[in-house]
N, C-alpha and C. Protein backbone atom coordinates (compact mmCIF):
# COMPACT_ATOMS: atom_id res chain seq x y z
N MET A 1 0.84 -1.19 0.01
CA MET A 1 0.00 0.03 -0.01
C MET A 1 0.89 1.26 0.00
N LYS A 2 0.46 2.24 -0.76
CA LYS A 2 1.27 3.47 -0.82
C LYS A 2 1.16 4.20 0.52
N ALA A 3 2.13 5.06 0.81
CA ALA A 3 2.24 5.76 2.05
C ALA A 3 1.16 6.86 2.06
N LEU A 4 0.20 6.76 2.97
CA LEU A 4 -0.80 7.79 3.12
C LEU A 4 -0.46 8.62 4.37
N ILE A 5 -0.48 9.92 4.17
CA ILE A 5 -0.23 10.82 5.30
C ILE A 5 -1.43 11.78 5.45
N ILE A 6 -1.87 11.93 6.71
CA ILE A 6 -2.93 12.78 7.05
C ILE A 6 -2.39 13.81 8.13
N ASN A 7 -2.59 15.09 7.92
CA ASN A 7 -2.10 16.02 8.92
C ASN A 7 -3.01 17.27 8.98
N THR A 8 -2.74 18.13 9.95
CA THR A 8 -3.48 19.35 10.09
C THR A 8 -2.76 20.59 9.73
N ASP A 9 -1.71 20.48 8.95
CA ASP A 9 -0.86 21.60 8.54
C ASP A 9 -1.52 22.39 7.46
N LYS A 10 -2.04 23.56 7.83
CA LYS A 10 -2.72 24.42 6.83
C LYS A 10 -1.80 24.83 5.67
N ASN A 11 -0.48 24.95 6.01
CA ASN A 11 0.47 25.40 4.95
C ASN A 11 0.68 24.33 3.91
N GLN A 12 0.37 23.11 4.13
CA GLN A 12 0.58 22.08 3.22
C GLN A 12 -0.61 21.89 2.26
N LEU A 13 -1.76 22.48 2.62
CA LEU A 13 -2.99 22.30 1.81
C LEU A 13 -2.85 22.86 0.45
N ASN A 14 -3.35 22.14 -0.53
CA ASN A 14 -3.44 22.57 -1.92
C ASN A 14 -4.84 23.30 -2.08
N VAL A 15 -4.89 24.55 -1.76
CA VAL A 15 -6.13 25.27 -1.69
C VAL A 15 -6.84 25.34 -3.10
N PRO A 16 -6.08 25.56 -4.23
CA PRO A 16 -6.79 25.45 -5.52
C PRO A 16 -7.45 24.11 -5.77
N LEU A 17 -6.82 23.00 -5.35
CA LEU A 17 -7.40 21.70 -5.55
C LEU A 17 -8.69 21.53 -4.69
N ILE A 18 -8.61 22.00 -3.46
CA ILE A 18 -9.78 21.94 -2.59
C ILE A 18 -10.95 22.77 -3.17
N THR A 19 -10.59 23.98 -3.62
CA THR A 19 -11.60 24.84 -4.23
C THR A 19 -12.23 24.21 -5.45
N ASP A 20 -11.35 23.71 -6.37
CA ASP A 20 -11.85 23.13 -7.63
C ASP A 20 -12.77 21.95 -7.33
N PHE A 21 -12.43 21.10 -6.34
CA PHE A 21 -13.24 19.98 -6.02
C PHE A 21 -14.58 20.38 -5.39
N ILE A 22 -14.51 21.08 -4.24
CA ILE A 22 -15.75 21.30 -3.53
C ILE A 22 -16.69 22.27 -4.26
N SER A 23 -16.17 23.19 -5.09
CA SER A 23 -17.06 24.10 -5.80
C SER A 23 -17.96 23.39 -6.79
N GLN A 24 -17.65 22.12 -7.12
CA GLN A 24 -18.44 21.36 -8.04
C GLN A 24 -19.41 20.38 -7.27
N THR A 25 -19.40 20.40 -5.97
CA THR A 25 -20.23 19.45 -5.17
C THR A 25 -21.62 20.00 -4.99
N TYR A 26 -22.52 19.10 -4.59
CA TYR A 26 -23.88 19.54 -4.29
C TYR A 26 -23.91 20.44 -3.05
N TRP A 27 -22.96 20.26 -2.15
CA TRP A 27 -23.04 21.03 -0.90
C TRP A 27 -22.36 22.37 -0.94
N ALA A 28 -21.43 22.59 -1.95
CA ALA A 28 -20.70 23.82 -1.94
C ALA A 28 -20.58 24.33 -3.39
N LYS A 29 -21.57 24.07 -4.22
CA LYS A 29 -21.49 24.51 -5.59
C LYS A 29 -21.24 26.01 -5.69
N GLY A 30 -20.20 26.34 -6.42
CA GLY A 30 -19.90 27.74 -6.68
C GLY A 30 -19.10 28.46 -5.59
N ARG A 31 -18.64 27.69 -4.55
CA ARG A 31 -17.82 28.30 -3.51
C ARG A 31 -16.58 28.85 -4.13
N THR A 32 -16.20 30.07 -3.72
CA THR A 32 -15.09 30.73 -4.37
C THR A 32 -13.79 30.45 -3.63
N LEU A 33 -12.67 30.81 -4.29
CA LEU A 33 -11.36 30.61 -3.65
C LEU A 33 -11.29 31.45 -2.32
N GLN A 34 -11.85 32.67 -2.34
CA GLN A 34 -11.80 33.49 -1.18
C GLN A 34 -12.60 32.87 -0.01
N GLN A 35 -13.73 32.26 -0.34
CA GLN A 35 -14.54 31.60 0.73
C GLN A 35 -13.79 30.41 1.25
N VAL A 36 -13.14 29.64 0.38
CA VAL A 36 -12.43 28.48 0.85
C VAL A 36 -11.27 28.96 1.74
N GLN A 37 -10.55 29.93 1.34
CA GLN A 37 -9.41 30.47 2.10
C GLN A 37 -9.88 30.88 3.53
N LYS A 38 -10.99 31.57 3.61
CA LYS A 38 -11.52 32.06 4.89
C LYS A 38 -12.01 30.87 5.73
N ALA A 39 -12.63 29.88 5.11
CA ALA A 39 -13.11 28.69 5.84
C ALA A 39 -11.84 27.90 6.40
N ILE A 40 -10.83 27.80 5.63
CA ILE A 40 -9.62 27.11 6.08
C ILE A 40 -9.00 27.89 7.27
N ALA A 41 -8.98 29.24 7.16
CA ALA A 41 -8.38 30.02 8.21
C ALA A 41 -9.06 29.84 9.57
N ASN A 42 -10.39 29.47 9.53
CA ASN A 42 -11.22 29.42 10.70
C ASN A 42 -11.66 28.05 11.08
N SER A 43 -10.90 27.02 10.61
CA SER A 43 -11.26 25.65 10.85
C SER A 43 -10.03 24.80 11.26
N LEU A 44 -10.27 23.65 11.82
CA LEU A 44 -9.24 22.65 12.05
C LEU A 44 -9.30 21.80 10.75
N ASN A 45 -8.19 21.86 9.96
CA ASN A 45 -8.17 21.22 8.62
C ASN A 45 -7.41 19.97 8.65
N PHE A 46 -7.84 19.01 7.80
CA PHE A 46 -7.24 17.71 7.63
C PHE A 46 -6.95 17.45 6.18
N GLY A 47 -5.65 17.50 5.84
CA GLY A 47 -5.24 17.18 4.45
C GLY A 47 -4.86 15.71 4.35
N VAL A 48 -5.22 15.09 3.22
CA VAL A 48 -4.87 13.69 3.03
C VAL A 48 -3.91 13.64 1.78
N TYR A 49 -2.74 13.01 2.07
CA TYR A 49 -1.71 13.04 0.96
C TYR A 49 -1.23 11.66 0.68
N LEU A 50 -1.05 11.35 -0.60
CA LEU A 50 -0.53 10.12 -1.04
C LEU A 50 0.69 10.42 -1.92
N GLU A 51 1.85 9.92 -1.41
CA GLU A 51 3.15 10.20 -2.07
C GLU A 51 3.33 11.66 -2.36
N GLY A 52 3.06 12.52 -1.34
CA GLY A 52 3.22 13.95 -1.46
C GLY A 52 2.12 14.70 -2.21
N ARG A 53 1.16 14.05 -2.76
CA ARG A 53 0.10 14.65 -3.56
C ARG A 53 -1.21 14.65 -2.76
N GLN A 54 -1.84 15.84 -2.64
CA GLN A 54 -3.13 15.86 -1.85
C GLN A 54 -4.23 15.17 -2.62
N ILE A 55 -4.89 14.21 -1.94
CA ILE A 55 -5.97 13.45 -2.54
C ILE A 55 -7.27 13.55 -1.75
N GLY A 56 -7.24 14.30 -0.66
CA GLY A 56 -8.45 14.45 0.10
C GLY A 56 -8.36 15.54 1.17
N TYR A 57 -9.50 15.83 1.75
CA TYR A 57 -9.59 16.97 2.66
C TYR A 57 -10.82 16.80 3.55
N ALA A 58 -10.77 17.39 4.71
CA ALA A 58 -11.96 17.59 5.56
C ALA A 58 -11.60 18.69 6.51
N ARG A 59 -12.64 19.31 7.08
CA ARG A 59 -12.39 20.39 8.09
C ARG A 59 -13.42 20.24 9.21
N VAL A 60 -13.03 20.70 10.38
CA VAL A 60 -13.92 20.67 11.53
C VAL A 60 -13.99 22.03 12.08
N VAL A 61 -15.22 22.50 12.32
CA VAL A 61 -15.49 23.74 12.96
C VAL A 61 -15.95 23.38 14.35
N THR A 62 -15.23 23.91 15.42
CA THR A 62 -15.45 23.37 16.76
C THR A 62 -15.05 24.35 17.88
N ASP A 63 -15.60 24.08 19.06
CA ASP A 63 -15.15 24.82 20.23
C ASP A 63 -14.27 23.92 21.05
N PHE A 64 -14.00 22.69 20.54
CA PHE A 64 -13.13 21.70 21.14
C PHE A 64 -13.64 21.10 22.46
N THR A 65 -14.92 21.42 22.78
CA THR A 65 -15.48 20.88 24.03
C THR A 65 -16.95 20.37 23.83
N ILE A 66 -17.82 21.27 23.40
CA ILE A 66 -19.20 20.92 23.34
C ILE A 66 -19.66 20.40 21.91
N ILE A 67 -19.17 21.02 20.92
CA ILE A 67 -19.67 20.69 19.57
C ILE A 67 -18.57 20.73 18.51
N ALA A 68 -18.68 19.85 17.54
CA ALA A 68 -17.79 19.83 16.38
C ALA A 68 -18.68 19.62 15.15
N TYR A 69 -18.41 20.37 14.13
CA TYR A 69 -19.19 20.20 12.89
C TYR A 69 -18.17 19.79 11.80
N LEU A 70 -18.42 18.59 11.29
CA LEU A 70 -17.54 17.99 10.23
C LEU A 70 -18.06 18.47 8.89
N MET A 71 -17.17 18.98 8.06
CA MET A 71 -17.52 19.62 6.82
C MET A 71 -16.57 19.32 5.68
N ASP A 72 -17.02 19.47 4.44
CA ASP A 72 -16.19 19.48 3.23
C ASP A 72 -15.29 18.24 3.09
N VAL A 73 -15.87 17.08 3.53
CA VAL A 73 -15.08 15.82 3.45
C VAL A 73 -15.05 15.28 2.05
N PHE A 74 -13.85 15.03 1.53
CA PHE A 74 -13.78 14.34 0.20
C PHE A 74 -12.47 13.64 0.01
N ILE A 75 -12.56 12.66 -0.83
CA ILE A 75 -11.34 11.96 -1.39
C ILE A 75 -11.54 12.13 -2.92
N LEU A 76 -10.54 12.45 -3.63
CA LEU A 76 -10.60 12.58 -5.08
C LEU A 76 -11.20 11.29 -5.70
N GLU A 77 -12.00 11.45 -6.72
CA GLU A 77 -12.68 10.31 -7.37
C GLU A 77 -11.66 9.20 -7.75
N SER A 78 -10.53 9.63 -8.30
CA SER A 78 -9.54 8.62 -8.78
C SER A 78 -8.94 7.80 -7.64
N GLU A 79 -9.13 8.17 -6.40
CA GLU A 79 -8.55 7.43 -5.26
C GLU A 79 -9.61 6.83 -4.37
N ARG A 80 -10.87 6.87 -4.81
CA ARG A 80 -11.93 6.28 -3.98
C ARG A 80 -11.88 4.74 -4.00
N GLY A 81 -12.51 4.18 -2.99
CA GLY A 81 -12.64 2.73 -2.93
C GLY A 81 -11.42 2.05 -2.44
N LYS A 82 -10.49 2.79 -1.85
CA LYS A 82 -9.23 2.25 -1.36
C LYS A 82 -9.11 2.40 0.22
N GLY A 83 -10.23 2.82 0.83
CA GLY A 83 -10.22 2.87 2.31
C GLY A 83 -9.72 4.17 2.86
N TYR A 84 -9.40 5.14 2.00
CA TYR A 84 -8.79 6.38 2.46
C TYR A 84 -9.84 7.24 3.25
N SER A 85 -11.09 7.20 2.88
CA SER A 85 -12.05 8.04 3.65
C SER A 85 -12.23 7.45 5.03
N LYS A 86 -12.11 6.13 5.23
CA LYS A 86 -12.15 5.54 6.57
C LYS A 86 -10.94 5.96 7.38
N LYS A 87 -9.80 5.95 6.76
CA LYS A 87 -8.54 6.37 7.47
C LYS A 87 -8.67 7.88 7.86
N LEU A 88 -9.23 8.64 6.97
CA LEU A 88 -9.39 10.07 7.29
C LEU A 88 -10.40 10.21 8.49
N MET A 89 -11.45 9.53 8.51
CA MET A 89 -12.46 9.58 9.63
C MET A 89 -11.80 9.08 10.95
N GLU A 90 -11.06 8.04 10.89
CA GLU A 90 -10.33 7.56 12.09
C GLU A 90 -9.40 8.61 12.64
N TYR A 91 -8.64 9.21 11.73
CA TYR A 91 -7.71 10.25 12.06
C TYR A 91 -8.35 11.41 12.74
N ILE A 92 -9.44 11.86 12.18
CA ILE A 92 -10.21 13.01 12.73
C ILE A 92 -10.76 12.72 14.11
N LEU A 93 -11.45 11.55 14.21
CA LEU A 93 -12.12 11.19 15.47
C LEU A 93 -11.13 10.81 16.56
N ASN A 94 -9.88 10.49 16.20
CA ASN A 94 -8.84 10.20 17.21
C ASN A 94 -7.92 11.36 17.46
N HIS A 95 -8.15 12.50 16.85
CA HIS A 95 -7.32 13.64 17.00
C HIS A 95 -7.34 14.06 18.45
N PRO A 96 -6.13 14.29 19.06
CA PRO A 96 -6.09 14.61 20.52
C PRO A 96 -6.90 15.84 20.91
N GLU A 97 -7.02 16.85 20.08
CA GLU A 97 -7.73 18.07 20.46
C GLU A 97 -9.27 17.88 20.39
N LEU A 98 -9.67 16.79 19.79
CA LEU A 98 -11.20 16.55 19.62
C LEU A 98 -11.73 15.55 20.56
N GLN A 99 -10.90 14.98 21.48
CA GLN A 99 -11.34 13.91 22.36
C GLN A 99 -12.44 14.28 23.37
N GLN A 100 -12.50 15.56 23.69
CA GLN A 100 -13.51 15.99 24.68
C GLN A 100 -14.84 16.46 24.06
N VAL A 101 -14.88 16.49 22.75
CA VAL A 101 -16.10 16.98 22.07
C VAL A 101 -17.29 16.05 22.40
N GLU A 102 -18.37 16.64 22.88
CA GLU A 102 -19.55 15.89 23.30
C GLU A 102 -20.53 15.58 22.14
N ASN A 103 -20.61 16.51 21.18
CA ASN A 103 -21.59 16.43 20.19
C ASN A 103 -21.03 16.72 18.81
N TRP A 104 -21.12 15.78 17.90
CA TRP A 104 -20.70 15.93 16.51
C TRP A 104 -21.85 16.03 15.59
N LYS A 105 -21.70 16.95 14.62
CA LYS A 105 -22.76 17.14 13.56
C LYS A 105 -22.16 17.05 12.19
N LEU A 106 -22.93 16.70 11.21
CA LEU A 106 -22.54 16.73 9.84
C LEU A 106 -23.79 16.74 8.97
N ASN A 107 -23.66 17.17 7.72
CA ASN A 107 -24.71 17.05 6.77
C ASN A 107 -24.22 16.18 5.63
N THR A 108 -25.03 15.27 5.16
CA THR A 108 -24.68 14.45 4.01
C THR A 108 -25.96 14.01 3.22
N LYS A 109 -25.84 13.93 1.97
CA LYS A 109 -26.93 13.46 1.13
C LYS A 109 -26.66 12.04 0.67
N ASP A 110 -25.41 11.61 0.67
CA ASP A 110 -25.08 10.32 0.03
C ASP A 110 -24.02 9.45 0.71
N ALA A 111 -23.52 9.87 1.89
CA ALA A 111 -22.46 9.09 2.47
C ALA A 111 -22.83 8.56 3.86
N HIS A 112 -24.11 8.30 4.07
CA HIS A 112 -24.56 7.76 5.35
C HIS A 112 -23.76 6.50 5.75
N GLY A 113 -23.51 5.61 4.87
CA GLY A 113 -22.85 4.38 5.17
C GLY A 113 -21.50 4.57 5.76
N LEU A 114 -20.73 5.53 5.26
CA LEU A 114 -19.43 5.82 5.78
C LEU A 114 -19.54 6.31 7.21
N TYR A 115 -20.36 7.33 7.44
CA TYR A 115 -20.43 7.98 8.74
C TYR A 115 -21.08 7.06 9.81
N GLN A 116 -21.98 6.21 9.38
CA GLN A 116 -22.64 5.29 10.36
C GLN A 116 -21.61 4.34 10.92
N GLN A 117 -20.55 4.02 10.23
CA GLN A 117 -19.47 3.17 10.72
C GLN A 117 -18.74 3.80 11.85
N PHE A 118 -18.88 5.13 11.99
CA PHE A 118 -18.18 5.84 13.05
C PHE A 118 -19.13 6.41 14.09
N GLY A 119 -20.30 5.83 14.18
CA GLY A 119 -21.25 6.20 15.25
C GLY A 119 -22.16 7.29 14.93
N PHE A 120 -22.17 7.86 13.72
CA PHE A 120 -23.13 8.92 13.41
C PHE A 120 -24.49 8.31 13.08
N LYS A 121 -25.52 9.02 13.50
CA LYS A 121 -26.93 8.47 13.32
C LYS A 121 -27.71 9.64 12.75
N GLU A 122 -28.87 9.31 12.11
CA GLU A 122 -29.75 10.32 11.71
C GLU A 122 -30.28 11.07 12.92
N VAL A 123 -30.65 12.37 12.76
CA VAL A 123 -31.12 13.17 13.88
C VAL A 123 -32.47 12.57 14.39
N VAL A 124 -32.52 12.33 15.71
CA VAL A 124 -33.68 11.67 16.29
C VAL A 124 -34.91 12.57 16.12
N ASP A 125 -34.79 13.84 16.40
CA ASP A 125 -35.89 14.74 16.37
C ASP A 125 -35.54 15.94 15.47
N PRO A 126 -35.63 15.80 14.15
CA PRO A 126 -35.24 16.91 13.25
C PRO A 126 -36.02 18.16 13.44
N LYS A 127 -37.24 18.13 14.10
CA LYS A 127 -37.98 19.29 14.35
C LYS A 127 -37.27 20.23 15.31
N LYS A 128 -36.29 19.75 16.09
CA LYS A 128 -35.54 20.60 16.99
C LYS A 128 -34.45 21.32 16.24
N MET A 129 -34.09 20.84 15.07
CA MET A 129 -32.96 21.48 14.27
C MET A 129 -33.56 22.66 13.51
N MET A 130 -32.75 23.68 13.41
CA MET A 130 -33.16 24.89 12.70
C MET A 130 -31.96 25.35 11.91
N GLU A 131 -32.26 26.14 10.90
CA GLU A 131 -31.14 26.72 10.10
C GLU A 131 -31.56 28.12 9.62
N ARG A 132 -30.55 28.88 9.28
CA ARG A 132 -30.71 30.20 8.69
C ARG A 132 -29.77 30.32 7.58
N LYS A 133 -30.21 30.62 6.39
CA LYS A 133 -29.39 30.76 5.19
C LYS A 133 -29.52 32.20 4.59
N LEU A 134 -28.37 32.69 4.18
CA LEU A 134 -28.40 33.93 3.47
C LEU A 134 -28.79 33.71 2.01
N ASN A 135 -29.59 34.54 1.40
CA ASN A 135 -29.89 34.41 0.04
C ASN A 135 -28.87 35.17 -0.77
N HIS A 136 -28.18 34.48 -1.64
CA HIS A 136 -27.18 35.12 -2.53
C HIS A 136 -27.71 35.38 -3.84
């Protein structure tokens, strides 16, 4: 197996690659480079690298105690099906700074199977959940 490295070094992130990928997704369609840069600056970031080349990414927005919101998780399509997303999830959930977090949240339309392996469940009472979105 090729050497897979996951780390939280913001300086190592390939921001154009992240922007190109997520700006084409259902959850972040049209996200700009400036938005991605600001999101990275204000998140705990996880880069996934294979032989020095970035192949994946995720970020967590958190207070490191009460809540963590998992966002923008991806592995490049050419590298899927090799267990890298599971390794990324293991790395995130075992990260020392996140061990005290009581409540994890995420949104997904199509990756329930992955997240269920790590203890995520559908919201028990979605009527308690609310959101506010800006109209662009």
